Amino acid sequence: LERDFGQVAEQKGVDFSVELAPDLLPAIATDAGRLRQVLKNLVSNAFKFTDHGEVRVSVRQADAGWNPANDTLASASAVTAFSIADTGIGITPELQRSIFEAFAQADGTTARQYGGTGLGLSISRELVRLLGGEIALSSTPGQGSTFTVFLPSSAPVADIAAEAPPAAEPAGAQQVAALLPSLPAPGRAGADLAGMKALVIDDDFRNIFALTTLLQRSQLKVVSAESGEEGVALIKQTPDIDIVLVDIMMPVMDGYATMRAIRKLPSGRDLPIVAITANVASETRQRCIDAGASAYVSKPVESADLLLVLGEWLAADGSAGRSPAAVC
């Protein structure tokens, strides 16, 4: 987490710390990948809504704070609490009651400025449930929020495997699964993509989750940004990005502006950019070309089609000599 978010904190001028209590168990039995996914989502959201002050991650042993009806936590020999606290905009009591529902949004002003609240929280809650735990929230508007993930020392790993096998998305996240209607078997495209690095720019964590899942299954390395500004900054700081996937409909700085900004960067002039949008009108396609898109993929994303586009642009002969107007 320190490695992933250190630069984000520095860019925003926000303090960031990770604190481990001295009485922690040396290890817990859980799904490390899913836990990492949840924590990165919560920390990412904390930075999204915090412009001043700090984001603090603390890990400690806990003996209370979760729902007493959670039998797994109640019967656990030990419970570990991962808390992510921020000094951001906070969450109103009304919104706190619905924040974990799929696609929960704040009022229009907040949604326009920040791209919505609770991005990925419904998925995170479901993942934590599969690990035998739960997520608690405390927040004061204007002062900040604290999300706490409670996990037992031994998670029901067998249940996780049964409910959420690698080929399926987490239960309760059908909207995410719908973004990945088919997952092709590894083939030529997957082999060609192995080891390449892709940047996914999208304000909706659900889309980042879905695309990251697909790309990682094809052995790509994936970094992500939840705004156009963050994506442009990442390209400046990350010289080894091989291809960029940009969602068109983003608040503040949309996909068109993001692509134009990328093309102005020395490292972005020849960088393959795939525009992704639900609008399939011919004028949208032309706007993507004019803004600097190398290729165009419509939603819902067909996995095989996307991998073919990526494979073409990341082929051994490279994309340096291609025109940005060569659009699939």
Protein backbone atom coordinates (compact mmCIF):
# COMPACT_ATOMS: atom_id res chain seq x y z
CA LEU A 1 0.00 0.00 0.00
CA GLU A 2 2.85 2.38 0.78
CA ARG A 3 4.41 1.61 -2.58
CA ASP A 4 1.12 1.90 -4.49
CA PHE A 5 -0.12 5.13 -2.92
CA GLY A 6 3.03 7.00 -1.89
CA GLN A 7 3.14 8.99 -5.12
CA VAL A 8 -0.60 9.67 -5.02
CA ALA A 9 -0.21 11.17 -1.54
CA GLU A 10 2.73 13.29 -2.65
CA GLN A 11 0.84 14.59 -5.70
CA LYS A 12 -2.21 15.55 -3.62
CA GLY A 13 -0.21 16.99 -0.74
CA VAL A 14 -1.91 14.59 1.67
CA ASP A 15 -0.10 12.70 4.41
CA PHE A 16 -0.20 8.91 4.15
CA SER A 17 0.81 6.36 6.77
CA VAL A 18 0.46 2.65 7.50
CA GLU A 19 0.52 1.70 11.19
CA LEU A 20 0.83 -1.86 12.51
CA ALA A 21 -0.10 -2.52 16.14
CA PRO A 22 2.58 -4.35 18.17
CA ASP A 23 0.19 -7.10 19.24
CA LEU A 24 -0.65 -8.29 15.71
CA LEU A 25 -0.64 -11.98 14.90
CA PRO A 26 2.33 -12.90 12.69
CA ALA A 27 -0.12 -14.09 10.01
CA ILE A 28 -3.77 -14.82 9.28
CA ALA A 29 -5.23 -17.41 6.90
CA THR A 30 -7.13 -15.58 4.17
CA ASP A 31 -7.15 -14.88 0.43
CA ALA A 32 -4.30 -12.37 0.11
CA GLY A 33 -5.29 -11.30 -3.40
CA ARG A 34 -8.87 -10.47 -2.48
CA LEU A 35 -7.82 -8.70 0.70
CA ARG A 36 -5.30 -6.62 -1.24
CA GLN A 37 -8.01 -5.76 -3.76
CA VAL A 38 -10.38 -4.55 -1.05
CA LEU A 39 -7.76 -2.49 0.78
CA LYS A 40 -6.55 -0.84 -2.44
CA ASN A 41 -10.13 0.06 -3.30
CA LEU A 42 -10.76 1.61 0.12
CA VAL A 43 -7.48 3.53 0.13
CA SER A 44 -8.12 4.72 -3.43
CA ASN A 45 -11.56 6.02 -2.43
CA ALA A 46 -10.05 7.73 0.62
CA PHE A 47 -7.62 9.65 -1.57
CA LYS A 48 -10.37 10.44 -4.08
CA PHE A 49 -12.38 12.32 -1.44
CA THR A 50 -9.51 13.82 0.56
CA ASP A 51 -7.88 17.07 -0.57
CA HIS A 52 -6.33 18.10 2.76
CA GLY A 53 -5.01 16.34 5.84
CA GLU A 54 -4.26 12.63 5.80
CA VAL A 55 -5.15 9.09 4.84
CA ARG A 56 -4.12 6.56 7.50
CA VAL A 57 -4.18 2.76 7.38
CA SER A 58 -3.99 0.98 10.74
CA VAL A 59 -3.99 -2.74 11.43
CA ARG A 60 -4.78 -4.10 14.91
CA GLN A 61 -6.37 -6.94 16.81
CA ALA A 62 -10.05 -6.30 17.58
CA ASP A 63 -12.52 -7.72 20.06
CA ALA A 64 -15.59 -5.70 19.01
CA GLY A 65 -17.00 -3.42 16.34
CA TRP A 66 -18.65 -5.92 13.99
CA ASN A 67 -22.21 -7.22 13.77
CA PRO A 68 -22.75 -9.74 16.62
CA ALA A 69 -24.79 -11.84 14.19
CA ASN A 70 -21.64 -12.61 12.18
CA ASP A 71 -21.01 -16.16 13.39
CA THR A 72 -17.62 -16.47 11.67
CA LEU A 73 -16.22 -13.44 13.46
CA ALA A 74 -17.97 -14.29 16.74
CA SER A 75 -16.43 -17.77 16.82
CA ALA A 76 -12.97 -16.78 15.53
CA SER A 77 -10.00 -17.28 17.83
CA ALA A 78 -8.83 -13.80 16.80
CA VAL A 79 -10.09 -10.96 14.62
CA THR A 80 -7.88 -8.53 12.75
CA ALA A 81 -9.14 -5.03 11.90
CA PHE A 82 -7.84 -3.08 8.90
CA SER A 83 -8.96 0.56 9.22
CA ILE A 84 -8.67 3.19 6.50
CA ALA A 85 -9.27 6.67 7.91
CA ASP A 86 -9.29 9.94 6.00
CA THR A 87 -9.92 13.63 6.66
CA GLY A 88 -11.97 14.07 3.50
CA ILE A 89 -15.48 15.27 2.71
CA GLY A 90 -17.20 12.63 4.86
CA ILE A 91 -20.48 10.86 4.20
CA THR A 92 -23.90 12.02 5.32
CA PRO A 93 -25.99 9.73 7.57
CA GLU A 94 -28.53 9.31 4.76
CA LEU A 95 -25.88 8.16 2.29
CA GLN A 96 -24.22 5.90 4.88
CA ARG A 97 -27.38 3.78 4.86
CA SER A 98 -27.00 3.06 1.12
CA ILE A 99 -23.27 3.46 0.49
CA PHE A 100 -22.65 -0.28 0.10
CA GLU A 101 -25.48 -0.76 -2.38
CA ALA A 102 -24.45 -1.33 -5.98
CA PHE A 103 -23.76 1.92 -7.82
CA ALA A 104 -24.58 4.17 -4.85
CA GLN A 105 -24.12 7.84 -5.74
CA ALA A 106 -24.00 11.03 -3.74
CA ASP A 107 -25.84 14.21 -4.68
CA GLY A 108 -25.29 15.59 -8.18
CA THR A 109 -22.66 18.11 -7.10
CA THR A 110 -20.44 15.48 -5.48
CA ALA A 111 -20.98 13.04 -8.35
CA ARG A 112 -19.92 15.63 -10.91
CA GLN A 113 -16.83 16.63 -8.96
CA TYR A 114 -15.65 13.23 -7.74
CA GLY A 115 -17.33 10.76 -10.09
CA GLY A 116 -19.70 9.32 -7.48
CA THR A 117 -19.11 7.87 -4.05
CA GLY A 118 -18.87 4.30 -2.90
CA LEU A 119 -17.20 3.15 -6.10
CA GLY A 120 -16.55 -0.56 -5.72
CA LEU A 121 -17.92 -0.72 -2.19
CA SER A 122 -20.62 -3.25 -3.03
CA ILE A 123 -17.94 -5.49 -4.56
CA SER A 124 -15.62 -4.94 -1.61
CA ARG A 125 -18.34 -5.83 0.88
CA GLU A 126 -19.08 -9.04 -1.01
CA LEU A 127 -15.41 -10.02 -1.15
CA VAL A 128 -15.03 -9.43 2.58
CA ARG A 129 -18.16 -11.49 3.23
CA LEU A 130 -16.61 -14.37 1.28
CA LEU A 131 -13.57 -14.07 3.54
CA GLY A 132 -15.83 -14.49 6.58
CA GLY A 133 -15.65 -10.85 7.65
CA GLU A 134 -17.46 -7.57 7.26
CA ILE A 135 -16.86 -3.86 6.63
CA ALA A 136 -17.97 -1.18 9.09
CA LEU A 137 -18.21 2.55 8.42
CA SER A 138 -18.10 5.63 10.63
CA SER A 139 -18.15 9.11 9.13
CA THR A 140 -18.84 12.76 9.87
CA PRO A 141 -19.62 15.11 6.97
CA GLY A 142 -16.82 17.63 6.51
CA GLN A 143 -14.46 15.76 8.83
CA GLY A 144 -13.74 12.42 7.21
CA SER A 145 -14.54 8.72 7.16
CA THR A 146 -13.19 5.46 8.54
CA PHE A 147 -13.84 2.12 6.84
CA THR A 148 -12.84 -0.92 8.88
CA VAL A 149 -12.46 -4.42 7.49
CA PHE A 150 -12.85 -7.11 10.17
CA LEU A 151 -11.40 -10.52 9.26
CA PRO A 152 -11.16 -13.76 11.26
CA SER A 153 -7.72 -15.28 11.79
CA SER A 154 -8.85 -18.23 9.63
CA ALA A 155 -11.19 -17.51 6.73
CA PRO A 156 -13.57 -20.09 5.21
CA VAL A 157 -11.24 -20.71 2.27
CA ALA A 158 -13.23 -23.70 1.02
CA ASP A 159 -16.36 -21.57 0.87
CA ILE A 160 -14.51 -18.88 -1.07
CA ALA A 161 -13.42 -21.40 -3.68
CA ALA A 162 -16.93 -22.80 -3.92
CA GLU A 163 -18.70 -19.45 -4.23
CA ALA A 164 -16.19 -17.52 -6.31
CA PRO A 165 -14.06 -19.72 -8.57
CA PRO A 166 -11.39 -17.99 -10.69
CA ALA A 167 -13.58 -18.07 -13.79
CA ALA A 168 -16.43 -16.19 -12.11
CA GLU A 169 -16.91 -12.79 -10.58
CA PRO A 170 -17.85 -12.47 -6.88
CA ALA A 171 -21.41 -13.33 -5.95
CA GLY A 172 -23.58 -10.21 -5.81
CA ALA A 173 -21.51 -8.41 -8.46
CA GLN A 174 -23.46 -9.46 -11.55
CA GLN A 175 -23.00 -5.99 -13.04
CA VAL A 176 -19.26 -6.55 -13.12
CA ALA A 177 -19.62 -10.03 -14.60
CA ALA A 178 -21.79 -8.54 -17.35
CA LEU A 179 -18.84 -6.47 -18.48
CA LEU A 180 -16.95 -9.71 -19.15
CA PRO A 181 -19.45 -11.83 -21.07
CA SER A 182 -16.84 -14.34 -22.25
CA LEU A 183 -13.29 -15.13 -21.24
CA PRO A 184 -11.37 -16.69 -24.14
CA ALA A 185 -8.93 -19.47 -23.47
CA PRO A 186 -5.30 -18.36 -23.47
CA GLY A 187 -4.04 -18.27 -27.04
CA ARG A 188 -1.86 -16.28 -29.37
CA ALA A 189 -3.15 -12.91 -28.17
CA GLY A 190 -2.70 -13.84 -24.51
CA ALA A 191 0.85 -15.02 -25.14
CA ASP A 192 1.67 -11.84 -27.07
CA LEU A 193 0.42 -9.70 -24.18
CA ALA A 194 2.37 -11.44 -21.42
CA GLY A 195 4.55 -9.02 -19.50
CA MET A 196 3.18 -5.90 -21.19
CA LYS A 197 1.91 -3.07 -18.98
CA ALA A 198 -1.52 -1.50 -19.50
CA LEU A 199 -2.95 1.64 -17.91
CA VAL A 200 -6.72 1.64 -17.37
CA ILE A 201 -8.27 5.10 -16.90
CA ASP A 202 -11.87 5.02 -15.68
CA ASP A 203 -13.73 6.88 -12.93
CA ASP A 204 -15.83 3.80 -12.08
CA PHE A 205 -14.02 1.21 -9.98
CA ARG A 206 -16.38 -1.49 -11.25
CA ASN A 207 -15.03 -1.03 -14.77
CA ILE A 208 -11.44 -0.96 -13.51
CA PHE A 209 -12.13 -4.17 -11.60
CA ALA A 210 -13.57 -5.91 -14.67
CA LEU A 211 -10.89 -4.79 -17.12
CA THR A 212 -8.08 -5.50 -14.67
CA THR A 213 -9.43 -9.02 -14.14
CA LEU A 214 -9.47 -9.67 -17.89
CA LEU A 215 -6.05 -8.16 -18.59
CA GLN A 216 -4.34 -9.93 -15.70
CA ARG A 217 -5.76 -13.24 -16.92
CA SER A 218 -3.94 -12.47 -20.17
CA GLN A 219 -0.73 -11.96 -18.17
CA LEU A 220 -0.56 -8.19 -18.56
CA LYS A 221 0.64 -5.98 -15.77
CA VAL A 222 -2.06 -3.42 -14.97
CA VAL A 223 -2.00 0.00 -13.33
CA SER A 224 -5.11 2.14 -13.01
CA ALA A 225 -6.26 5.71 -12.58
CA GLU A 226 -9.72 6.91 -11.57
CA SER A 227 -9.57 10.25 -13.40
CA GLY A 228 -8.07 11.71 -16.54
CA GLU A 229 -5.78 13.95 -14.52
CA GLU A 230 -4.44 11.00 -12.53
CA GLY A 231 -3.95 8.99 -15.72
CA VAL A 232 -1.93 11.73 -17.42
CA ALA A 233 0.21 12.10 -14.29
CA LEU A 234 0.84 8.33 -14.22
CA ILE A 235 2.04 8.35 -17.82
CA LYS A 236 4.49 11.13 -16.98
CA GLN A 237 5.86 9.11 -14.06
CA THR A 238 5.69 5.59 -15.53
CA PRO A 239 7.88 5.22 -18.61
CA ASP A 240 7.16 1.53 -19.22
CA ILE A 241 3.42 1.75 -19.98
CA ASP A 242 2.78 -0.07 -23.28
CA ILE A 243 -0.90 0.73 -23.90
CA VAL A 244 -3.70 2.85 -22.41
CA LEU A 245 -7.43 2.09 -22.12
CA VAL A 246 -9.51 5.25 -21.62
CA ASP A 247 -13.19 5.48 -20.71
CA ILE A 248 -14.84 8.35 -22.57
CA MET A 249 -17.53 9.33 -20.05
CA MET A 250 -15.62 10.65 -17.03
CA PRO A 251 -16.40 13.72 -14.90
CA VAL A 252 -14.29 16.90 -14.93
CA MET A 253 -11.77 15.66 -17.55
CA ASP A 254 -13.51 13.33 -19.99
CA GLY A 255 -11.87 10.72 -22.21
CA TYR A 256 -11.49 13.07 -25.17
CA ALA A 257 -9.61 15.65 -23.10
CA THR A 258 -7.56 12.88 -21.50
CA MET A 259 -6.45 11.50 -24.86
CA ARG A 260 -5.56 14.95 -26.16
CA ALA A 261 -3.49 15.58 -23.03
CA ILE A 262 -1.70 12.24 -23.43
CA ARG A 263 -0.84 13.01 -27.05
CA LYS A 264 0.83 16.26 -25.96
CA LEU A 265 3.27 14.32 -23.77
CA PRO A 266 6.59 13.28 -25.33
CA SER A 267 6.00 9.74 -24.05
CA GLY A 268 2.39 9.75 -25.25
CA ARG A 269 2.80 10.71 -28.90
CA ASP A 270 3.13 7.13 -30.14
CA LEU A 271 1.50 5.36 -27.17
CA PRO A 272 -1.41 3.13 -28.30
CA ILE A 273 -4.68 4.40 -26.81
CA VAL A 274 -7.89 2.37 -26.83
CA ALA A 275 -11.05 4.43 -26.30
CA ILE A 276 -13.89 2.60 -24.52
CA THR A 277 -17.44 3.96 -24.57
CA ALA A 278 -21.07 2.85 -24.55
CA ASN A 279 -21.87 5.34 -27.30
CA VAL A 280 -21.42 3.59 -30.65
CA ALA A 281 -22.55 6.48 -32.87
CA SER A 282 -20.30 7.24 -35.84
CA GLU A 283 -19.72 10.79 -34.61
CA THR A 284 -18.39 9.43 -31.32
CA ARG A 285 -15.98 7.21 -33.21
CA GLN A 286 -14.76 10.20 -35.21
CA ARG A 287 -14.35 12.27 -32.04
CA CYS A 288 -12.21 9.48 -30.59
CA ILE A 289 -10.01 9.49 -33.69
CA ASP A 290 -9.71 13.27 -33.64
CA ALA A 291 -8.78 13.20 -29.94
CA GLY A 292 -5.95 10.76 -30.59
CA ALA A 293 -7.43 7.28 -30.15
CA SER A 294 -5.57 4.41 -31.78
CA ALA A 295 -8.53 2.05 -31.50
CA TYR A 296 -12.15 2.11 -30.41
CA VAL A 297 -14.02 -0.54 -28.38
CA SER A 298 -17.69 -0.27 -27.48
CA LYS A 299 -19.44 -1.36 -24.29
CA PRO A 300 -20.39 -3.93 -23.23
CA VAL A 301 -16.81 -4.98 -23.85
CA GLU A 302 -16.41 -8.29 -25.67
CA SER A 303 -13.33 -9.86 -24.12
CA ALA A 304 -12.11 -11.58 -27.29
CA ASP A 305 -12.48 -8.40 -29.33
CA LEU A 306 -10.59 -6.31 -26.79
CA LEU A 307 -7.75 -8.83 -26.58
CA LEU A 308 -7.48 -8.89 -30.37
CA VAL A 309 -7.21 -5.10 -30.47
CA LEU A 310 -4.59 -5.10 -27.72
CA GLY A 311 -2.69 -7.91 -29.44
CA GLU A 312 -2.61 -6.00 -32.71
CA TRP A 313 -1.30 -2.83 -31.16
CA LEU A 314 1.20 -4.62 -28.96
CA ALA A 315 2.42 -6.94 -31.71
CA ALA A 316 6.14 -7.49 -32.14
CA ASP A 317 6.34 -4.96 -34.96
CA GLY A 318 5.11 -2.30 -32.50
CA SER A 319 2.87 0.71 -32.96
CA ALA A 320 5.45 3.48 -33.31
CA GLY A 321 4.91 3.75 -37.02
CA ARG A 322 1.12 3.60 -36.97
CA SER A 323 -1.22 6.48 -37.46
CA PRO A 324 -3.60 7.23 -34.59
CA ALA A 325 -6.40 7.13 -37.16
CA ALA A 326 -5.94 3.39 -37.72
CA VAL A 327 -8.98 2.47 -35.66
CA CYS A 328 -10.58 -0.96 -35.19
